[in-house]
Amino acid sequence: QVQLVESGGGLVQPGGFLRLHCAASGNMFSLYSLGWYRQAPGSQRELVATITYSTKTTYADSVQGRFTISRDNAKNTVDLHMNSLKPEDTAVYYCNAQNIITRANYWGPGTQVTVSS
């Protein structure tokens, strides 16, 4: 079983910066890809970025070049650095862990990010 807890959301002006942090508890994190997803009101949850245990990353086109995902395998954490934030980045952001063998998904409770002047 994996438990995830996010932190770092909040209100920021357009063009600003936020760092989201996710702490994971459990075992065998070498078997897990970690990632961030987001869900805006009235929209489906969408992928933002993922990172494998070997730190291979993928990004949604909408955040490529503005967001950076990183993980600390010793601490079982994953961060999302978000630069040049836009109002359309407003959403609840969820931390995700996916077992690369079973494809089982685990989710954090989410953290709100609001980009507004």
Protein backbone atom coordinates (compact mmCIF):
# COMPACT_ATOMS: atom_id res chain seq x y z
CA GLN A 1 0.00 0.00 0.00
CA VAL A 2 1.23 3.49 -0.89
CA GLN A 3 0.15 6.69 0.79
CA LEU A 4 0.79 10.09 -0.75
CA VAL A 5 0.52 13.55 0.77
CA GLU A 6 0.85 16.76 -1.24
CA SER A 7 1.81 20.23 -0.04
CA GLY A 8 2.75 23.57 -1.53
CA GLY A 9 -0.37 24.71 -3.34
CA GLY A 10 -1.80 28.19 -3.03
CA LEU A 11 -2.67 31.43 -4.76
CA VAL A 12 -0.14 33.00 -7.10
CA GLN A 13 -0.23 35.78 -9.67
CA PRO A 14 0.22 35.05 -13.39
CA GLY A 15 3.87 34.67 -14.23
CA GLY A 16 4.63 33.50 -10.72
CA PHE A 17 6.20 30.38 -9.28
CA LEU A 18 5.09 27.55 -7.03
CA ARG A 19 6.67 24.32 -5.88
CA LEU A 20 4.52 21.32 -5.11
CA HIS A 21 5.86 18.58 -2.88
CA CYS A 22 4.66 15.03 -2.41
CA ALA A 23 5.82 12.64 0.29
CA ALA A 24 5.21 8.94 -0.23
CA SER A 25 5.14 6.15 2.30
CA GLY A 26 5.39 2.47 1.52
CA ASN A 27 7.95 0.07 0.18
CA MET A 28 9.79 -0.80 -3.00
CA PHE A 29 9.59 2.59 -4.70
CA SER A 30 11.91 1.31 -7.38
CA LEU A 31 8.76 -0.29 -8.78
CA TYR A 32 6.86 2.99 -8.99
CA SER A 33 6.62 5.74 -11.53
CA LEU A 34 5.66 9.00 -9.80
CA GLY A 35 3.77 11.87 -11.29
CA TRP A 36 1.52 14.88 -11.03
CA TYR A 37 -1.95 15.20 -12.50
CA ARG A 38 -4.42 18.05 -12.31
CA GLN A 39 -8.14 18.57 -12.56
CA ALA A 40 -9.80 21.89 -13.25
CA PRO A 41 -13.49 22.48 -12.49
CA GLY A 42 -15.67 20.82 -15.12
CA SER A 43 -12.71 19.03 -16.70
CA GLN A 44 -11.25 15.56 -16.57
CA ARG A 45 -8.11 14.80 -14.64
CA GLU A 46 -5.10 15.20 -16.91
CA LEU A 47 -1.46 14.25 -16.79
CA VAL A 48 0.99 17.04 -15.99
CA ALA A 49 4.31 15.21 -15.65
CA THR A 50 5.73 11.83 -14.71
CA ILE A 51 9.13 10.56 -13.64
CA THR A 52 10.44 7.02 -13.47
CA TYR A 53 12.75 5.59 -10.82
CA SER A 54 15.61 6.15 -13.26
CA THR A 55 14.43 9.79 -13.59
CA LYS A 56 13.13 9.60 -17.13
CA THR A 57 10.54 12.37 -17.43
CA THR A 58 7.48 13.11 -19.53
CA TYR A 59 5.47 16.34 -19.67
CA ALA A 60 2.17 17.51 -21.03
CA ASP A 61 2.64 19.84 -23.99
CA SER A 62 0.90 22.61 -22.08
CA VAL A 63 3.56 22.67 -19.34
CA GLN A 64 6.67 21.69 -21.30
CA GLY A 65 9.43 24.21 -20.65
CA ARG A 66 7.62 25.78 -17.67
CA PHE A 67 7.30 22.90 -15.20
CA THR A 68 10.02 20.59 -13.91
CA ILE A 69 9.41 17.30 -12.11
CA SER A 70 12.03 15.73 -9.87
CA ARG A 71 12.20 12.89 -7.36
CA ASP A 72 14.39 11.94 -4.45
CA ASN A 73 14.53 8.16 -4.33
CA ALA A 74 16.23 8.15 -0.94
CA LYS A 75 13.43 10.19 0.62
CA ASN A 76 10.52 8.85 -1.48
CA THR A 77 9.47 12.32 -2.54
CA VAL A 78 8.50 13.97 -5.81
CA ASP A 79 8.41 17.70 -6.51
CA LEU A 80 6.89 19.81 -9.24
CA HIS A 81 8.48 23.19 -9.87
CA MET A 82 6.04 25.40 -11.75
CA ASN A 83 7.31 28.57 -13.42
CA SER A 84 5.56 31.19 -15.55
CA LEU A 85 2.20 30.15 -14.20
CA LYS A 86 -0.90 30.97 -16.22
CA PRO A 87 -4.54 31.26 -15.16
CA GLU A 88 -5.24 28.06 -17.11
CA ASP A 89 -2.91 26.20 -14.73
CA THR A 90 -5.53 26.68 -12.02
CA ALA A 91 -6.61 23.24 -10.81
CA VAL A 92 -6.39 20.73 -8.03
CA TYR A 93 -3.05 18.98 -8.41
CA TYR A 94 -2.75 15.32 -7.45
CA CYS A 95 0.34 13.30 -6.72
CA ASN A 96 0.32 9.84 -8.30
CA ALA A 97 2.29 6.64 -7.86
CA GLN A 98 1.90 3.85 -10.39
CA ASN A 99 3.31 0.36 -9.94
CA ILE A 100 5.13 -0.41 -13.17
CA ILE A 101 4.31 -4.12 -12.94
CA THR A 102 0.69 -4.22 -11.75
CA ARG A 103 -0.28 -0.75 -13.06
CA ALA A 104 -2.02 -0.09 -9.74
CA ASN A 105 -2.49 3.62 -9.13
CA TYR A 106 -2.35 5.49 -5.85
CA TRP A 107 -3.40 9.08 -5.36
CA GLY A 108 -2.89 11.84 -2.86
CA PRO A 109 -5.84 13.94 -1.64
CA GLY A 110 -4.83 16.87 -3.88
CA THR A 111 -3.70 20.44 -3.38
CA GLN A 112 -5.32 23.54 -4.89
CA VAL A 113 -3.32 25.80 -7.18
CA THR A 114 -4.95 29.07 -8.17
CA VAL A 115 -3.33 31.46 -10.63
CA SER A 116 -5.06 34.81 -10.55
CA SER A 117 -4.33 38.51 -10.29
